[in-house]
Every structure is written in C-alpha cells, then in structure tokens.
C-alpha cells in the first residue's frame, strides 16, 4: 500500500488493483460526521469536498480496515476492506453496480 498525493492504491489478494482518488475516499466516508448512524443518510455534501484534497496518511485499523488522514484535517473515518472493495471505482467494478 502506498499513499500518494492524489490517489491510494490497493492490490487485492486475487490480483485485482483498485486505485482510489483521495477526493473519492473522502466522499465515501461513513463516519458519524459524514453519515447519520441511525438512518444511513449522508450528512456530507460530496461536492463540498475540495477538488485539490490530498491524502496525508493511511493506517491499518486492526486487520479489517484502514483510516485515512486528509489535507482538510478529516481523519475520523474507518474504511473496512469490504467497503473499499465494494466501492472500487475502476470501470470493471463500477460497471457492476
């Protein structure tokens, strides 16, 4: 796993490669600030995420998730690997949703 300024890449055990734009990761954050815990209703206006957002860090959370730190100082979201795989933005995966 490598953190780059504008994208984060995961090579999955099955060989599939997912490249996540940093802005996209911030937009799918499901923390309590970004998504209502009871209703699941989004609280974050996706368009309010800056286009020039950068990734500042990525850290493992146990053996099941990642936590990202963004240049807008948001760092409270936990991204389970299942969510990341289901949210892969590549044409192959996005076409199946």
N, C-alpha and C. Protein backbone atom coordinates (compact mmCIF):
# COMPACT_ATOMS: atom_id res chain seq x y z
N UNK A 1 0.85 -1.17 0.00
CA UNK A 1 0.00 0.00 0.00
C UNK A 1 0.89 1.23 0.00
N UNK A 2 0.51 2.21 -0.80
CA UNK A 2 1.26 3.45 -0.85
C UNK A 2 0.31 4.63 -0.80
N UNK A 3 0.67 5.62 -0.03
CA UNK A 3 -0.10 6.85 0.00
C UNK A 3 0.57 7.80 -0.99
N UNK A 4 -0.20 8.32 -1.90
CA UNK A 4 0.30 9.31 -2.84
C UNK A 4 -0.55 10.54 -2.66
N UNK A 5 -0.11 11.63 -3.21
CA UNK A 5 -0.82 12.89 -3.02
C UNK A 5 -2.27 12.83 -3.47
N UNK A 6 -2.56 12.19 -4.58
CA UNK A 6 -3.90 12.29 -5.15
C UNK A 6 -4.63 10.96 -5.27
N UNK A 7 -3.98 9.85 -4.95
CA UNK A 7 -4.64 8.55 -5.08
C UNK A 7 -4.03 7.54 -4.11
N UNK A 8 -4.80 6.51 -3.81
CA UNK A 8 -4.37 5.43 -2.93
C UNK A 8 -4.64 4.13 -3.66
N UNK A 9 -3.66 3.25 -3.72
CA UNK A 9 -3.79 2.01 -4.48
C UNK A 9 -3.71 0.79 -3.58
N UNK A 10 -4.60 -0.16 -3.83
CA UNK A 10 -4.59 -1.44 -3.12
C UNK A 10 -4.50 -2.55 -4.16
N UNK A 11 -3.59 -3.49 -3.94
CA UNK A 11 -3.54 -4.70 -4.74
C UNK A 11 -4.13 -5.80 -3.87
N UNK A 12 -5.29 -6.32 -4.28
CA UNK A 12 -6.02 -7.31 -3.50
C UNK A 12 -5.40 -8.70 -3.67
N UNK A 13 -5.72 -9.59 -2.76
CA UNK A 13 -5.17 -10.96 -2.80
C UNK A 13 -5.47 -11.68 -4.10
N UNK A 14 -6.58 -11.36 -4.74
CA UNK A 14 -6.93 -12.02 -6.01
C UNK A 14 -6.27 -11.37 -7.21
N UNK A 15 -5.41 -10.36 -6.98
CA UNK A 15 -4.69 -9.70 -8.06
C UNK A 15 -5.36 -8.45 -8.59
N UNK A 16 -6.60 -8.22 -8.21
CA UNK A 16 -7.29 -7.01 -8.66
C UNK A 16 -6.61 -5.78 -8.06
N UNK A 17 -6.49 -4.72 -8.86
CA UNK A 17 -5.87 -3.49 -8.40
C UNK A 17 -6.94 -2.40 -8.36
N UNK A 18 -7.07 -1.76 -7.20
CA UNK A 18 -8.03 -0.66 -7.03
C UNK A 18 -7.24 0.61 -6.77
N UNK A 19 -7.54 1.65 -7.54
CA UNK A 19 -6.92 2.95 -7.33
C UNK A 19 -8.02 3.93 -6.96
N UNK A 20 -7.92 4.48 -5.76
CA UNK A 20 -8.94 5.35 -5.21
C UNK A 20 -8.45 6.79 -5.22
N UNK A 21 -9.08 7.67 -5.99
CA UNK A 21 -8.74 9.09 -5.86
C UNK A 21 -8.99 9.53 -4.42
N UNK A 22 -8.12 10.34 -3.87
CA UNK A 22 -8.24 10.78 -2.48
C UNK A 22 -9.58 11.48 -2.25
N UNK A 23 -9.99 12.32 -3.16
CA UNK A 23 -11.28 13.02 -3.02
C UNK A 23 -12.43 12.01 -2.93
N UNK A 24 -12.38 10.95 -3.74
CA UNK A 24 -13.40 9.91 -3.73
C UNK A 24 -13.45 9.22 -2.36
N UNK A 25 -12.28 8.90 -1.80
CA UNK A 25 -12.25 8.28 -0.47
C UNK A 25 -12.92 9.17 0.56
N UNK A 26 -12.62 10.45 0.51
CA UNK A 26 -13.22 11.40 1.46
C UNK A 26 -14.73 11.46 1.25
N UNK A 27 -15.19 11.39 0.00
CA UNK A 27 -16.61 11.47 -0.31
C UNK A 27 -17.39 10.25 0.17
N UNK A 28 -16.74 9.09 0.28
CA UNK A 28 -17.46 7.89 0.71
C UNK A 28 -17.27 7.61 2.20
N UNK A 29 -16.70 8.55 2.93
CA UNK A 29 -16.51 8.37 4.36
C UNK A 29 -17.85 8.11 5.04
N UNK A 30 -17.86 7.12 5.93
CA UNK A 30 -19.11 6.74 6.60
C UNK A 30 -19.05 7.01 8.10
N UNK A 31 -18.17 7.92 8.53
CA UNK A 31 -18.09 8.23 9.96
C UNK A 31 -19.35 8.99 10.39
N UNK A 32 -19.51 9.17 11.69
CA UNK A 32 -20.71 9.83 12.23
C UNK A 32 -20.84 11.28 11.79
N UNK A 33 -19.75 11.91 11.39
CA UNK A 33 -19.82 13.29 10.89
C UNK A 33 -20.31 13.34 9.45
N UNK A 34 -20.11 12.24 8.74
CA UNK A 34 -20.43 12.21 7.31
C UNK A 34 -21.69 11.44 6.96
N UNK A 35 -22.14 10.56 7.87
CA UNK A 35 -23.31 9.73 7.60
C UNK A 35 -24.07 9.51 8.90
N UNK A 36 -25.38 9.72 8.88
CA UNK A 36 -26.19 9.52 10.07
C UNK A 36 -26.14 8.05 10.48
N UNK A 37 -25.75 7.81 11.72
CA UNK A 37 -25.57 6.44 12.19
C UNK A 37 -26.86 5.64 12.24
N UNK A 38 -27.98 6.30 12.48
CA UNK A 38 -29.26 5.58 12.59
C UNK A 38 -29.93 5.38 11.26
N UNK A 39 -29.96 6.41 10.43
CA UNK A 39 -30.70 6.33 9.17
C UNK A 39 -29.82 5.97 7.97
N UNK A 40 -28.51 6.19 8.09
CA UNK A 40 -27.63 5.97 6.96
C UNK A 40 -27.63 7.11 5.97
N UNK A 41 -28.40 8.16 6.28
CA UNK A 41 -28.49 9.31 5.39
C UNK A 41 -27.16 10.06 5.35
N UNK A 42 -26.67 10.37 4.15
CA UNK A 42 -25.43 11.13 4.05
C UNK A 42 -25.58 12.52 4.68
N UNK A 43 -24.58 12.92 5.45
CA UNK A 43 -24.55 14.25 6.04
C UNK A 43 -23.54 15.13 5.31
N UNK A 44 -22.62 14.51 4.62
CA UNK A 44 -21.59 15.23 3.88
C UNK A 44 -22.08 15.55 2.48
N UNK A 45 -22.01 16.80 2.10
CA UNK A 45 -22.28 17.19 0.72
C UNK A 45 -21.02 16.85 -0.07
N UNK A 46 -21.10 15.84 -0.91
CA UNK A 46 -19.93 15.36 -1.65
C UNK A 46 -19.26 16.46 -2.46
N UNK A 47 -20.04 17.39 -2.94
CA UNK A 47 -19.47 18.47 -3.75
C UNK A 47 -18.71 19.48 -2.91
N UNK A 48 -18.89 19.43 -1.58
CA UNK A 48 -18.16 20.35 -0.71
C UNK A 48 -16.72 19.90 -0.45
N UNK A 49 -16.40 18.68 -0.85
CA UNK A 49 -15.04 18.17 -0.68
C UNK A 49 -14.14 18.86 -1.71
N UNK A 50 -13.08 19.51 -1.26
CA UNK A 50 -12.23 20.26 -2.19
C UNK A 50 -11.66 19.38 -3.30
N UNK A 51 -11.64 19.90 -4.50
CA UNK A 51 -11.11 19.17 -5.64
C UNK A 51 -9.62 18.90 -5.49
N UNK A 52 -8.93 19.75 -4.76
CA UNK A 52 -7.48 19.60 -4.61
C UNK A 52 -7.09 18.89 -3.30
N UNK A 53 -8.03 18.15 -2.72
CA UNK A 53 -7.78 17.43 -1.47
C UNK A 53 -6.61 16.47 -1.65
N UNK A 54 -5.78 16.36 -0.63
CA UNK A 54 -4.63 15.46 -0.66
C UNK A 54 -4.75 14.45 0.47
N UNK A 55 -4.11 13.31 0.27
CA UNK A 55 -4.00 12.31 1.32
C UNK A 55 -2.75 12.58 2.13
N UNK A 56 -2.88 12.50 3.44
CA UNK A 56 -1.72 12.77 4.29
C UNK A 56 -1.22 11.52 5.01
N UNK A 57 -2.10 10.56 5.24
CA UNK A 57 -1.67 9.33 5.91
C UNK A 57 -2.69 8.23 5.69
N UNK A 58 -2.22 7.01 5.87
CA UNK A 58 -3.08 5.83 5.87
C UNK A 58 -2.55 4.91 6.95
N UNK A 59 -3.44 4.35 7.74
CA UNK A 59 -3.03 3.46 8.83
C UNK A 59 -3.98 2.29 8.92
N UNK A 60 -3.44 1.13 9.26
CA UNK A 60 -4.26 -0.04 9.49
C UNK A 60 -5.06 0.13 10.78
N UNK A 61 -6.29 -0.35 10.74
CA UNK A 61 -7.14 -0.42 11.93
C UNK A 61 -7.38 -1.91 12.13
N UNK A 62 -6.71 -2.46 13.12
CA UNK A 62 -6.78 -3.91 13.31
C UNK A 62 -6.35 -4.61 12.05
N UNK A 63 -7.09 -5.65 11.70
CA UNK A 63 -6.81 -6.40 10.46
C UNK A 63 -7.96 -6.30 9.48
N UNK A 64 -8.84 -5.31 9.72
CA UNK A 64 -10.07 -5.26 8.92
C UNK A 64 -10.32 -3.95 8.20
N UNK A 65 -9.52 -2.93 8.44
CA UNK A 65 -9.85 -1.61 7.88
C UNK A 65 -8.62 -0.71 7.78
N UNK A 66 -8.85 0.42 7.13
CA UNK A 66 -7.86 1.49 7.05
C UNK A 66 -8.48 2.78 7.56
N UNK A 67 -7.63 3.65 8.06
CA UNK A 67 -8.05 5.00 8.43
C UNK A 67 -7.16 5.94 7.64
N UNK A 68 -7.78 6.93 7.01
CA UNK A 68 -7.06 7.90 6.20
C UNK A 68 -7.07 9.26 6.87
N UNK A 69 -6.02 9.99 6.68
CA UNK A 69 -5.95 11.39 7.09
C UNK A 69 -5.89 12.22 5.83
N UNK A 70 -6.70 13.26 5.78
CA UNK A 70 -6.81 14.09 4.59
C UNK A 70 -6.33 15.51 4.87
N UNK A 71 -6.00 16.23 3.82
CA UNK A 71 -5.49 17.59 3.97
C UNK A 71 -6.52 18.56 4.53
N UNK A 72 -7.81 18.18 4.54
CA UNK A 72 -8.83 19.04 5.17
C UNK A 72 -8.93 18.74 6.67
N UNK A 73 -7.99 17.94 7.18
CA UNK A 73 -7.87 17.56 8.60
C UNK A 73 -8.91 16.54 9.06
N UNK A 74 -9.68 15.99 8.14
CA UNK A 74 -10.63 14.94 8.49
C UNK A 74 -9.86 13.62 8.60
N UNK A 75 -10.06 12.91 9.71
CA UNK A 75 -9.34 11.65 9.90
C UNK A 75 -10.12 10.68 10.79
N UNK A 76 -11.43 10.85 10.88
CA UNK A 76 -12.20 10.02 11.80
C UNK A 76 -12.88 8.82 11.14
N UNK A 77 -12.82 8.73 9.85
CA UNK A 77 -13.48 7.62 9.17
C UNK A 77 -12.67 6.35 9.19
N UNK A 78 -13.34 5.23 9.35
CA UNK A 78 -12.73 3.91 9.26
C UNK A 78 -13.30 3.25 8.01
N UNK A 79 -12.43 2.76 7.17
CA UNK A 79 -12.81 2.19 5.88
C UNK A 79 -12.54 0.69 5.91
N UNK A 80 -13.56 -0.12 6.26
CA UNK A 80 -13.36 -1.57 6.25
C UNK A 80 -12.96 -2.03 4.84
N UNK A 81 -12.13 -3.07 4.79
CA UNK A 81 -11.71 -3.58 3.49
C UNK A 81 -12.89 -3.99 2.63
N UNK A 82 -13.96 -4.48 3.26
CA UNK A 82 -15.15 -4.86 2.49
C UNK A 82 -15.74 -3.63 1.79
N UNK A 83 -15.82 -2.50 2.50
CA UNK A 83 -16.33 -1.26 1.90
C UNK A 83 -15.42 -0.81 0.76
N UNK A 84 -14.13 -0.87 0.97
CA UNK A 84 -13.20 -0.44 -0.08
C UNK A 84 -13.34 -1.31 -1.32
N UNK A 85 -13.45 -2.61 -1.14
CA UNK A 85 -13.58 -3.49 -2.31
C UNK A 85 -14.91 -3.24 -3.01
N UNK A 86 -15.99 -3.09 -2.25
CA UNK A 86 -17.31 -2.83 -2.85
C UNK A 86 -17.36 -1.48 -3.54
N UNK A 87 -16.52 -0.55 -3.12
CA UNK A 87 -16.53 0.82 -3.64
C UNK A 87 -15.44 1.06 -4.68
N UNK A 88 -14.79 0.01 -5.15
CA UNK A 88 -13.72 0.18 -6.13
C UNK A 88 -14.25 0.96 -7.32
N UNK A 89 -13.56 2.07 -7.66
CA UNK A 89 -14.07 2.92 -8.73
C UNK A 89 -13.64 2.52 -10.14
N UNK A 90 -12.93 1.40 -10.30
CA UNK A 90 -12.48 1.02 -11.65
C UNK A 90 -13.68 0.70 -12.54
N UNK A 91 -13.47 0.77 -13.83
CA UNK A 91 -14.57 0.55 -14.78
C UNK A 91 -15.18 -0.84 -14.63
N UNK A 92 -14.34 -1.85 -14.38
CA UNK A 92 -14.82 -3.21 -14.22
C UNK A 92 -15.78 -3.33 -13.03
N UNK A 93 -15.41 -2.77 -11.90
CA UNK A 93 -16.22 -2.87 -10.68
C UNK A 93 -17.41 -1.92 -10.71
N UNK A 94 -17.20 -0.69 -11.11
CA UNK A 94 -18.27 0.31 -11.12
C UNK A 94 -19.35 -0.08 -12.12
N UNK A 95 -18.98 -0.77 -13.18
CA UNK A 95 -19.96 -1.20 -14.17
C UNK A 95 -20.92 -2.24 -13.64
N UNK A 96 -20.51 -2.96 -12.57
CA UNK A 96 -21.35 -3.99 -11.99
C UNK A 96 -22.28 -3.48 -10.91
N UNK A 97 -22.22 -2.18 -10.61
CA UNK A 97 -23.09 -1.63 -9.56
C UNK A 97 -24.31 -1.00 -10.17
